[in-house]
């Protein structure tokens, strides 16, 4: 296993690891730096894995703005359906599209609480 790419992301490290079956996109807490973290996805090329790592980090920061947390391989928030990381990355959802989706969900939750 070889680390091919690493970036800091919201207090964690996002890594691209080369393994026998491909390039693994993982997130690792800085609290436990000896771990190789939680696997998010596997890619056939290092370029795709690096692109996904960059996109994941931006989406992770965006979902945190809306009160979501990462649990295993999904973004979660009480009262909402989990958002699977691989589905966001595979569907090529843009940051703007994700923000619109999070805004709609936020408005729906506020309406449910007030009504």
C-alpha atoms as a PDB file:
ATOM      1  CA  UNK A   1       0.000   0.000   0.000  1.00  0.00           C
ATOM      2  CA  UNK A   2       1.386   3.365  -1.075  1.00  0.00           C
ATOM      3  CA  UNK A   3       0.042   6.846  -0.340  1.00  0.00           C
ATOM      4  CA  UNK A   4      -0.302   8.553  -3.736  1.00  0.00           C
ATOM      5  CA  UNK A   5      -2.019  11.750  -2.583  1.00  0.00           C
ATOM      6  CA  UNK A   6      -2.926  13.430   0.689  1.00  0.00           C
ATOM      7  CA  UNK A   7      -4.803  16.638   1.560  1.00  0.00           C
ATOM      8  CA  UNK A   8      -6.030  18.154   4.829  1.00  0.00           C
ATOM      9  CA  UNK A   9      -9.812  18.311   4.959  1.00  0.00           C
ATOM     10  CA  UNK A  10     -11.898  19.617   7.885  1.00  0.00           C
ATOM     11  CA  UNK A  11      -9.544  18.323  10.557  1.00  0.00           C
ATOM     12  CA  UNK A  12      -8.942  15.037   8.773  1.00  0.00           C
ATOM     13  CA  UNK A  13      -6.663  13.787   6.031  1.00  0.00           C
ATOM     14  CA  UNK A  14      -8.063  12.585   2.739  1.00  0.00           C
ATOM     15  CA  UNK A  15      -5.779  10.000   1.178  1.00  0.00           C
ATOM     16  CA  UNK A  16      -5.486   8.175  -2.118  1.00  0.00           C
ATOM     17  CA  UNK A  17      -3.893   4.803  -1.437  1.00  0.00           C
ATOM     18  CA  UNK A  18      -2.599   2.481  -4.140  1.00  0.00           C
ATOM     19  CA  UNK A  19      -3.614  -1.105  -3.395  1.00  0.00           C
ATOM     20  CA  UNK A  20      -3.800  -4.290  -5.466  1.00  0.00           C
ATOM     21  CA  UNK A  21      -7.425  -3.694  -6.485  1.00  0.00           C
ATOM     22  CA  UNK A  22      -7.085   0.014  -7.374  1.00  0.00           C
ATOM     23  CA  UNK A  23      -6.769   3.454  -5.831  1.00  0.00           C
ATOM     24  CA  UNK A  24      -8.669   3.808  -2.566  1.00  0.00           C
ATOM     25  CA  UNK A  25     -10.105   7.159  -1.506  1.00  0.00           C
ATOM     26  CA  UNK A  26     -10.068   7.241   2.303  1.00  0.00           C
ATOM     27  CA  UNK A  27     -10.539   9.746   5.094  1.00  0.00           C
ATOM     28  CA  UNK A  28      -8.461   9.548   8.236  1.00  0.00           C
ATOM     29  CA  UNK A  29      -8.963  11.439  11.470  1.00  0.00           C
ATOM     30  CA  UNK A  30      -5.936  13.451  12.545  1.00  0.00           C
ATOM     31  CA  UNK A  31      -6.676  12.243  16.091  1.00  0.00           C
ATOM     32  CA  UNK A  32      -5.624   8.714  15.044  1.00  0.00           C
ATOM     33  CA  UNK A  33      -2.838   9.224  12.471  1.00  0.00           C
ATOM     34  CA  UNK A  34      -1.736   5.574  12.589  1.00  0.00           C
ATOM     35  CA  UNK A  35      -4.929   4.420  10.881  1.00  0.00           C
ATOM     36  CA  UNK A  36      -5.478   4.450   7.126  1.00  0.00           C
ATOM     37  CA  UNK A  37      -9.029   5.583   7.716  1.00  0.00           C
ATOM     38  CA  UNK A  38     -12.441   4.954   6.324  1.00  0.00           C
ATOM     39  CA  UNK A  39     -12.669   3.863   2.675  1.00  0.00           C
ATOM     40  CA  UNK A  40     -15.052   6.029   0.632  1.00  0.00           C
ATOM     41  CA  UNK A  41     -14.525   4.644  -2.885  1.00  0.00           C
ATOM     42  CA  UNK A  42     -12.142   2.756  -5.184  1.00  0.00           C
ATOM     43  CA  UNK A  43     -10.978   4.003  -8.594  1.00  0.00           C
ATOM     44  CA  UNK A  44      -9.103   2.423 -11.485  1.00  0.00           C
ATOM     45  CA  UNK A  45      -6.755   5.363 -12.056  1.00  0.00           C
ATOM     46  CA  UNK A  46      -4.815   7.602  -9.723  1.00  0.00           C
ATOM     47  CA  UNK A  47      -6.062  10.694 -11.626  1.00  0.00           C
ATOM     48  CA  UNK A  48      -9.723   9.839 -11.038  1.00  0.00           C
ATOM     49  CA  UNK A  49      -9.013   9.073  -7.386  1.00  0.00           C
ATOM     50  CA  UNK A  50      -7.229  12.412  -6.884  1.00  0.00           C
ATOM     51  CA  UNK A  51     -10.067  14.307  -8.599  1.00  0.00           C
ATOM     52  CA  UNK A  52     -12.549  12.488  -6.354  1.00  0.00           C
ATOM     53  CA  UNK A  53     -10.475  13.316  -3.252  1.00  0.00           C
ATOM     54  CA  UNK A  54     -10.523  17.026  -4.092  1.00  0.00           C
ATOM     55  CA  UNK A  55     -14.258  16.959  -4.804  1.00  0.00           C
ATOM     56  CA  UNK A  56     -14.984  14.923  -1.668  1.00  0.00           C
ATOM     57  CA  UNK A  57     -13.160  17.475   0.471  1.00  0.00           C
ATOM     58  CA  UNK A  58     -15.178  20.375  -0.970  1.00  0.00           C
ATOM     59  CA  UNK A  59     -18.447  18.463  -0.520  1.00  0.00           C
ATOM     60  CA  UNK A  60     -17.526  17.437   3.017  1.00  0.00           C
ATOM     61  CA  UNK A  61     -16.920  21.082   3.945  1.00  0.00           C
ATOM     62  CA  UNK A  62     -20.219  22.093   2.317  1.00  0.00           C
ATOM     63  CA  UNK A  63     -22.294  19.431   4.073  1.00  0.00           C
ATOM     64  CA  UNK A  64     -20.747  20.406   7.413  1.00  0.00           C
ATOM     65  CA  UNK A  65     -22.008  23.975   6.836  1.00  0.00           C
ATOM     66  CA  UNK A  66     -25.528  22.494   6.831  1.00  0.00           C
ATOM     67  CA  UNK A  67     -25.039  20.442   9.994  1.00  0.00           C
ATOM     68  CA  UNK A  68     -24.219  17.069   8.475  1.00  0.00           C
ATOM     69  CA  UNK A  69     -21.529  14.737   9.753  1.00  0.00           C
ATOM     70  CA  UNK A  70     -19.694  11.881   8.068  1.00  0.00           C
ATOM     71  CA  UNK A  71     -20.653   8.438   9.292  1.00  0.00           C
ATOM     72  CA  UNK A  72     -18.963   5.547   7.505  1.00  0.00           C
ATOM     73  CA  UNK A  73     -19.476   6.486   3.835  1.00  0.00           C
ATOM     74  CA  UNK A  74     -22.525   8.763   4.141  1.00  0.00           C
ATOM     75  CA  UNK A  75     -23.267  12.326   5.171  1.00  0.00           C
ATOM     76  CA  UNK A  76     -25.926  12.225   7.894  1.00  0.00           C
ATOM     77  CA  UNK A  77     -28.151  14.676   9.717  1.00  0.00           C
ATOM     78  CA  UNK A  78     -31.049  13.952  12.028  1.00  0.00           C
ATOM     79  CA  UNK A  79     -34.374  14.096  10.226  1.00  0.00           C
ATOM     80  CA  UNK A  80     -32.896  13.530   6.764  1.00  0.00           C
ATOM     81  CA  UNK A  81     -32.028  10.614   4.530  1.00  0.00           C
ATOM     82  CA  UNK A  82     -28.312   9.758   4.452  1.00  0.00           C
ATOM     83  CA  UNK A  83     -26.396  11.089   1.459  1.00  0.00           C
ATOM     84  CA  UNK A  84     -24.047   8.395   0.169  1.00  0.00           C
ATOM     85  CA  UNK A  85     -20.622   9.740  -0.742  1.00  0.00           C
ATOM     86  CA  UNK A  86     -20.114   7.327  -3.642  1.00  0.00           C
ATOM     87  CA  UNK A  87     -23.440   8.347  -5.186  1.00  0.00           C
ATOM     88  CA  UNK A  88     -22.430  12.030  -5.079  1.00  0.00           C
ATOM     89  CA  UNK A  89     -19.047  11.298  -6.625  1.00  0.00           C
ATOM     90  CA  UNK A  90     -20.315   8.806  -9.233  1.00  0.00           C
ATOM     91  CA  UNK A  91     -23.272  10.983 -10.287  1.00  0.00           C
ATOM     92  CA  UNK A  92     -20.912  13.920 -10.774  1.00  0.00           C
ATOM     93  CA  UNK A  93     -23.103  16.191  -8.662  1.00  0.00           C
ATOM     94  CA  UNK A  94     -21.683  19.714  -8.759  1.00  0.00           C
ATOM     95  CA  UNK A  95     -21.096  21.776  -5.643  1.00  0.00           C
ATOM     96  CA  UNK A  96     -23.892  24.145  -6.723  1.00  0.00           C
ATOM     97  CA  UNK A  97     -26.310  21.231  -7.159  1.00  0.00           C
ATOM     98  CA  UNK A  98     -25.366  19.870  -3.757  1.00  0.00           C
ATOM     99  CA  UNK A  99     -25.841  23.296  -2.152  1.00  0.00           C
ATOM    100  CA  UNK A 100     -29.318  23.594  -3.754  1.00  0.00           C
ATOM    101  CA  UNK A 101     -30.245  20.130  -2.464  1.00  0.00           C
ATOM    102  CA  UNK A 102     -29.013  20.978   1.049  1.00  0.00           C
ATOM    103  CA  UNK A 103     -30.906  24.300   0.980  1.00  0.00           C
ATOM    104  CA  UNK A 104     -34.155  22.550  -0.010  1.00  0.00           C
ATOM    105  CA  UNK A 105     -33.704  20.012   2.773  1.00  0.00           C
ATOM    106  CA  UNK A 106     -32.903  22.744   5.286  1.00  0.00           C
ATOM    107  CA  UNK A 107     -36.048  24.693   4.332  1.00  0.00           C
ATOM    108  CA  UNK A 108     -38.165  21.531   4.568  1.00  0.00           C
ATOM    109  CA  UNK A 109     -36.803  20.759   8.058  1.00  0.00           C
ATOM    110  CA  UNK A 110     -37.497  24.328   9.219  1.00  0.00           C
ATOM    111  CA  UNK A 111     -41.054  24.146   7.863  1.00  0.00           C
ATOM    112  CA  UNK A 112     -41.660  20.807   9.610  1.00  0.00           C
ATOM    113  CA  UNK A 113     -40.408  22.204  12.930  1.00  0.00           C
ATOM    114  CA  UNK A 114     -42.547  25.352  12.709  1.00  0.00           C
ATOM    115  CA  UNK A 115     -45.674  23.683  11.389  1.00  0.00           C
END
